[in-house]
Structure formats: structure tokens, C-alpha cells
Amino acid sequence: MTEHEILRAPAMTEADIAELLALRGTGRVTHAFLARLAAHFLKAEIDGVLNPARHLAAYLGVERQTVLTYMRMARRNGLIITRH
């Protein structure tokens, strides 16, 4: 696998994905889920992954826009601190 291919997807294990799916569940979106998703999203960005929302959406079985909504929820709930 080339370096370019590695940067195309987040470095997540099957266990990471299973944890996110379990935290997401079928009910209300929890802080625990948002915190873990945000951690994976931000790590993917730091690692140079192009379009981490698309990859995470595929792992979770949701639309890319849904992941972006989750990230907005994480910011709104103070789980992501942005510098201005």
C-alpha cells in the first residue's frame, strides 16, 4: 500500500468502527458517541485524510451530511474547541 493510498481512509480498526456503531445505537445521539466520532474525525484530518466525513459515513451506514451534522452537534456541545 502506498502512502497516498493510506491517506485515503482514516486509520480505524474494526473494533473502532464497532465501538462507534454501539455508541450510536438506535436512540438519541449521546455525548459519548459524539466525542468518539469527533476524535476519529479530527485524527483523520491531522493524518491528512481527504474527506473524513465520507469515510466515517460509510463506516456508520449514514449519509456524509449526517456525519457533518454530528460534528456540528459535537462543536455545539463543547466537545470540539476551535481556535479563532
N, C-alpha and C. Protein backbone atom coordinates (compact mmCIF):
# COMPACT_ATOMS: atom_id res chain seq x y z
N MET A 1 0.85 -1.18 0.00
CA MET A 1 0.00 0.00 0.00
C MET A 1 0.89 1.24 0.00
N THR A 2 0.61 2.17 -0.89
CA THR A 2 1.42 3.38 -0.97
C THR A 2 0.98 4.39 0.08
N GLU A 3 1.81 5.38 0.32
CA GLU A 3 1.46 6.42 1.29
C GLU A 3 0.18 7.12 0.86
N HIS A 4 0.02 7.36 -0.43
CA HIS A 4 -1.18 8.04 -0.93
C HIS A 4 -2.43 7.21 -0.63
N GLU A 5 -2.35 5.89 -0.79
CA GLU A 5 -3.50 5.03 -0.51
C GLU A 5 -3.83 5.01 0.98
N ILE A 6 -2.81 5.07 1.82
CA ILE A 6 -3.02 5.06 3.27
C ILE A 6 -3.79 6.31 3.69
N LEU A 7 -3.50 7.44 3.09
CA LEU A 7 -4.13 8.70 3.48
C LEU A 7 -5.55 8.84 2.96
N ARG A 8 -6.01 7.88 2.20
CA ARG A 8 -7.36 7.98 1.65
C ARG A 8 -8.43 7.61 2.67
N ALA A 9 -8.11 6.86 3.70
CA ALA A 9 -9.11 6.42 4.68
C ALA A 9 -8.54 6.60 6.09
N PRO A 10 -9.41 6.87 7.05
CA PRO A 10 -8.93 7.00 8.44
C PRO A 10 -8.32 5.69 8.93
N ALA A 11 -7.35 5.80 9.81
CA ALA A 11 -6.70 4.63 10.41
C ALA A 11 -7.58 4.13 11.55
N MET A 12 -8.62 3.39 11.18
CA MET A 12 -9.56 2.87 12.18
C MET A 12 -9.61 1.35 12.06
N THR A 13 -9.67 0.71 13.22
CA THR A 13 -9.79 -0.74 13.24
C THR A 13 -11.26 -1.15 13.19
N GLU A 14 -11.48 -2.42 12.98
CA GLU A 14 -12.85 -2.94 13.04
C GLU A 14 -13.45 -2.69 14.43
N ALA A 15 -12.61 -2.78 15.46
CA ALA A 15 -13.07 -2.53 16.84
C ALA A 15 -13.49 -1.06 17.01
N ASP A 16 -12.73 -0.14 16.41
CA ASP A 16 -13.10 1.28 16.47
C ASP A 16 -14.47 1.51 15.84
N ILE A 17 -14.68 0.91 14.69
CA ILE A 17 -15.94 1.07 13.98
C ILE A 17 -17.08 0.43 14.78
N ALA A 18 -16.83 -0.76 15.32
CA ALA A 18 -17.86 -1.44 16.13
C ALA A 18 -18.21 -0.60 17.36
N GLU A 19 -17.20 0.02 17.97
CA GLU A 19 -17.46 0.87 19.13
C GLU A 19 -18.34 2.05 18.75
N LEU A 20 -18.03 2.70 17.63
CA LEU A 20 -18.86 3.83 17.19
C LEU A 20 -20.29 3.39 16.92
N LEU A 21 -20.46 2.26 16.26
CA LEU A 21 -21.80 1.75 15.97
C LEU A 21 -22.56 1.45 17.26
N ALA A 22 -21.87 0.86 18.23
CA ALA A 22 -22.51 0.54 19.51
C ALA A 22 -22.88 1.81 20.26
N LEU A 23 -21.99 2.80 20.24
CA LEU A 23 -22.28 4.07 20.92
C LEU A 23 -23.42 4.82 20.24
N ARG A 24 -23.50 4.69 18.92
CA ARG A 24 -24.58 5.37 18.19
C ARG A 24 -25.93 4.75 18.53
N GLY A 25 -25.97 3.43 18.56
CA GLY A 25 -27.22 2.76 18.90
C GLY A 25 -28.35 3.17 17.97
N THR A 26 -29.55 3.13 18.48
CA THR A 26 -30.73 3.47 17.67
C THR A 26 -31.54 4.60 18.28
N GLY A 27 -31.12 5.06 19.45
CA GLY A 27 -31.86 6.12 20.12
C GLY A 27 -31.22 7.47 19.92
N ARG A 28 -31.33 8.25 20.94
CA ARG A 28 -30.80 9.61 20.96
C ARG A 28 -29.28 9.60 20.78
N VAL A 29 -28.76 10.60 20.08
CA VAL A 29 -27.32 10.74 19.89
C VAL A 29 -26.71 11.17 21.22
N THR A 30 -25.74 10.41 21.70
CA THR A 30 -25.15 10.68 23.02
C THR A 30 -23.85 11.47 22.91
N HIS A 31 -23.48 12.08 24.04
CA HIS A 31 -22.19 12.78 24.11
C HIS A 31 -21.04 11.81 23.87
N ALA A 32 -21.17 10.59 24.40
CA ALA A 32 -20.10 9.61 24.24
C ALA A 32 -19.86 9.31 22.76
N PHE A 33 -20.94 9.14 22.01
CA PHE A 33 -20.81 8.88 20.58
C PHE A 33 -20.18 10.08 19.88
N LEU A 34 -20.69 11.27 20.16
CA LEU A 34 -20.16 12.47 19.51
C LEU A 34 -18.68 12.68 19.83
N ALA A 35 -18.30 12.43 21.06
CA ALA A 35 -16.90 12.60 21.46
C ALA A 35 -15.99 11.63 20.72
N ARG A 36 -16.39 10.37 20.62
CA ARG A 36 -15.57 9.37 19.92
C ARG A 36 -15.52 9.65 18.42
N LEU A 37 -16.67 10.01 17.84
CA LEU A 37 -16.70 10.33 16.42
C LEU A 37 -15.81 11.53 16.13
N ALA A 38 -15.92 12.57 16.95
CA ALA A 38 -15.10 13.76 16.76
C ALA A 38 -13.62 13.43 16.87
N ALA A 39 -13.26 12.58 17.83
CA ALA A 39 -11.85 12.19 17.98
C ALA A 39 -11.34 11.51 16.72
N HIS A 40 -12.12 10.58 16.18
CA HIS A 40 -11.72 9.89 14.96
C HIS A 40 -11.67 10.86 13.77
N PHE A 41 -12.63 11.74 13.67
CA PHE A 41 -12.69 12.71 12.58
C PHE A 41 -11.47 13.62 12.62
N LEU A 42 -11.18 14.18 13.80
CA LEU A 42 -10.06 15.11 13.92
C LEU A 42 -8.72 14.41 13.70
N LYS A 43 -8.59 13.19 14.19
CA LYS A 43 -7.35 12.42 13.95
C LYS A 43 -7.17 12.17 12.46
N ALA A 44 -8.25 11.84 11.77
CA ALA A 44 -8.18 11.62 10.33
C ALA A 44 -7.72 12.89 9.62
N GLU A 45 -8.26 14.04 10.03
CA GLU A 45 -7.83 15.31 9.43
C GLU A 45 -6.35 15.55 9.68
N ILE A 46 -5.91 15.33 10.91
CA ILE A 46 -4.50 15.53 11.26
C ILE A 46 -3.61 14.60 10.44
N ASP A 47 -4.08 13.38 10.21
CA ASP A 47 -3.32 12.40 9.44
C ASP A 47 -3.35 12.66 7.93
N GLY A 48 -4.11 13.67 7.51
CA GLY A 48 -4.14 14.04 6.11
C GLY A 48 -5.19 13.32 5.27
N VAL A 49 -6.16 12.70 5.93
CA VAL A 49 -7.22 12.02 5.20
C VAL A 49 -8.07 13.05 4.47
N LEU A 50 -8.29 12.81 3.21
CA LEU A 50 -9.15 13.69 2.42
C LEU A 50 -10.60 13.26 2.65
N ASN A 51 -11.44 14.20 3.03
CA ASN A 51 -12.87 13.96 3.22
C ASN A 51 -13.18 12.88 4.26
N PRO A 52 -12.76 13.07 5.51
CA PRO A 52 -13.03 12.06 6.54
C PRO A 52 -14.52 11.82 6.75
N ALA A 53 -15.36 12.81 6.50
CA ALA A 53 -16.81 12.64 6.68
C ALA A 53 -17.34 11.54 5.78
N ARG A 54 -16.83 11.45 4.56
CA ARG A 54 -17.28 10.42 3.62
C ARG A 54 -16.94 9.03 4.14
N HIS A 55 -15.72 8.87 4.64
CA HIS A 55 -15.29 7.56 5.15
C HIS A 55 -16.07 7.17 6.40
N LEU A 56 -16.21 8.11 7.33
CA LEU A 56 -16.94 7.80 8.55
C LEU A 56 -18.41 7.51 8.25
N ALA A 57 -18.98 8.20 7.29
CA ALA A 57 -20.36 7.92 6.89
C ALA A 57 -20.50 6.49 6.37
N ALA A 58 -19.54 6.07 5.57
CA ALA A 58 -19.59 4.71 5.04
C ALA A 58 -19.48 3.69 6.18
N TYR A 59 -18.60 3.94 7.14
CA TYR A 59 -18.44 3.02 8.27
C TYR A 59 -19.72 2.93 9.10
N LEU A 60 -20.41 4.06 9.24
CA LEU A 60 -21.60 4.11 10.08
C LEU A 60 -22.89 3.78 9.34
N GLY A 61 -22.81 3.72 8.02
CA GLY A 61 -24.01 3.45 7.23
C GLY A 61 -24.97 4.61 7.17
N VAL A 62 -24.41 5.83 7.15
CA VAL A 62 -25.22 7.05 7.07
C VAL A 62 -24.72 7.90 5.92
N GLU A 63 -25.42 8.97 5.65
CA GLU A 63 -25.00 9.92 4.61
C GLU A 63 -23.86 10.79 5.14
N ARG A 64 -23.03 11.28 4.24
CA ARG A 64 -21.92 12.17 4.59
C ARG A 64 -22.45 13.38 5.37
N GLN A 65 -23.56 13.93 4.94
CA GLN A 65 -24.14 15.10 5.60
C GLN A 65 -24.50 14.81 7.06
N THR A 66 -24.87 13.57 7.34
CA THR A 66 -25.20 13.18 8.72
C THR A 66 -23.96 13.28 9.60
N VAL A 67 -22.82 12.84 9.10
CA VAL A 67 -21.57 12.95 9.87
C VAL A 67 -21.25 14.41 10.11
N LEU A 68 -21.43 15.25 9.10
CA LEU A 68 -21.17 16.69 9.28
C LEU A 68 -22.12 17.29 10.31
N THR A 69 -23.36 16.81 10.33
CA THR A 69 -24.31 17.25 11.36
C THR A 69 -23.84 16.81 12.74
N TYR A 70 -23.39 15.57 12.86
CA TYR A 70 -22.84 15.09 14.14
C TYR A 70 -21.68 15.97 14.59
N MET A 71 -20.81 16.36 13.65
CA MET A 71 -19.67 17.20 14.01
C MET A 71 -20.14 18.58 14.48
N ARG A 72 -21.17 19.14 13.86
CA ARG A 72 -21.74 20.41 14.34
C ARG A 72 -22.29 20.24 15.75
N MET A 73 -22.96 19.10 15.98
CA MET A 73 -23.51 18.82 17.31
C MET A 73 -22.37 18.74 18.33
N ALA A 74 -21.27 18.11 17.96
CA ALA A 74 -20.12 17.99 18.87
C ALA A 74 -19.56 19.36 19.21
N ARG A 75 -19.45 20.22 18.21
CA ARG A 75 -18.97 21.59 18.46
C ARG A 75 -19.92 22.35 19.37
N ARG A 76 -21.21 22.25 19.06
CA ARG A 76 -22.24 22.95 19.85
C ARG A 76 -22.24 22.48 21.31
N ASN A 77 -21.91 21.22 21.52
CA ASN A 77 -21.89 20.66 22.88
C ASN A 77 -20.53 20.81 23.56
N GLY A 78 -19.63 21.58 22.97
CA GLY A 78 -18.34 21.86 23.58
C GLY A 78 -17.35 20.70 23.53
N LEU A 79 -17.61 19.72 22.66
CA LEU A 79 -16.72 18.58 22.56
C LEU A 79 -15.55 18.83 21.63
N ILE A 80 -15.64 19.89 20.85
CA ILE A 80 -14.56 20.31 19.97
C ILE A 80 -14.34 21.79 20.23
N ILE A 81 -13.11 22.12 20.54
CA ILE A 81 -12.74 23.51 20.77
C ILE A 81 -12.01 24.00 19.53
N THR A 82 -12.50 25.07 18.93
CA THR A 82 -11.84 25.63 17.77
C THR A 82 -11.20 26.94 18.15
N ARG A 83 -10.04 27.18 17.59
CA ARG A 83 -9.32 28.45 17.84
C ARG A 83 -9.67 29.42 16.74
N HIS A 84 -9.84 30.67 17.12
CA HIS A 84 -10.15 31.71 16.13
C HIS A 84 -9.03 32.69 16.04
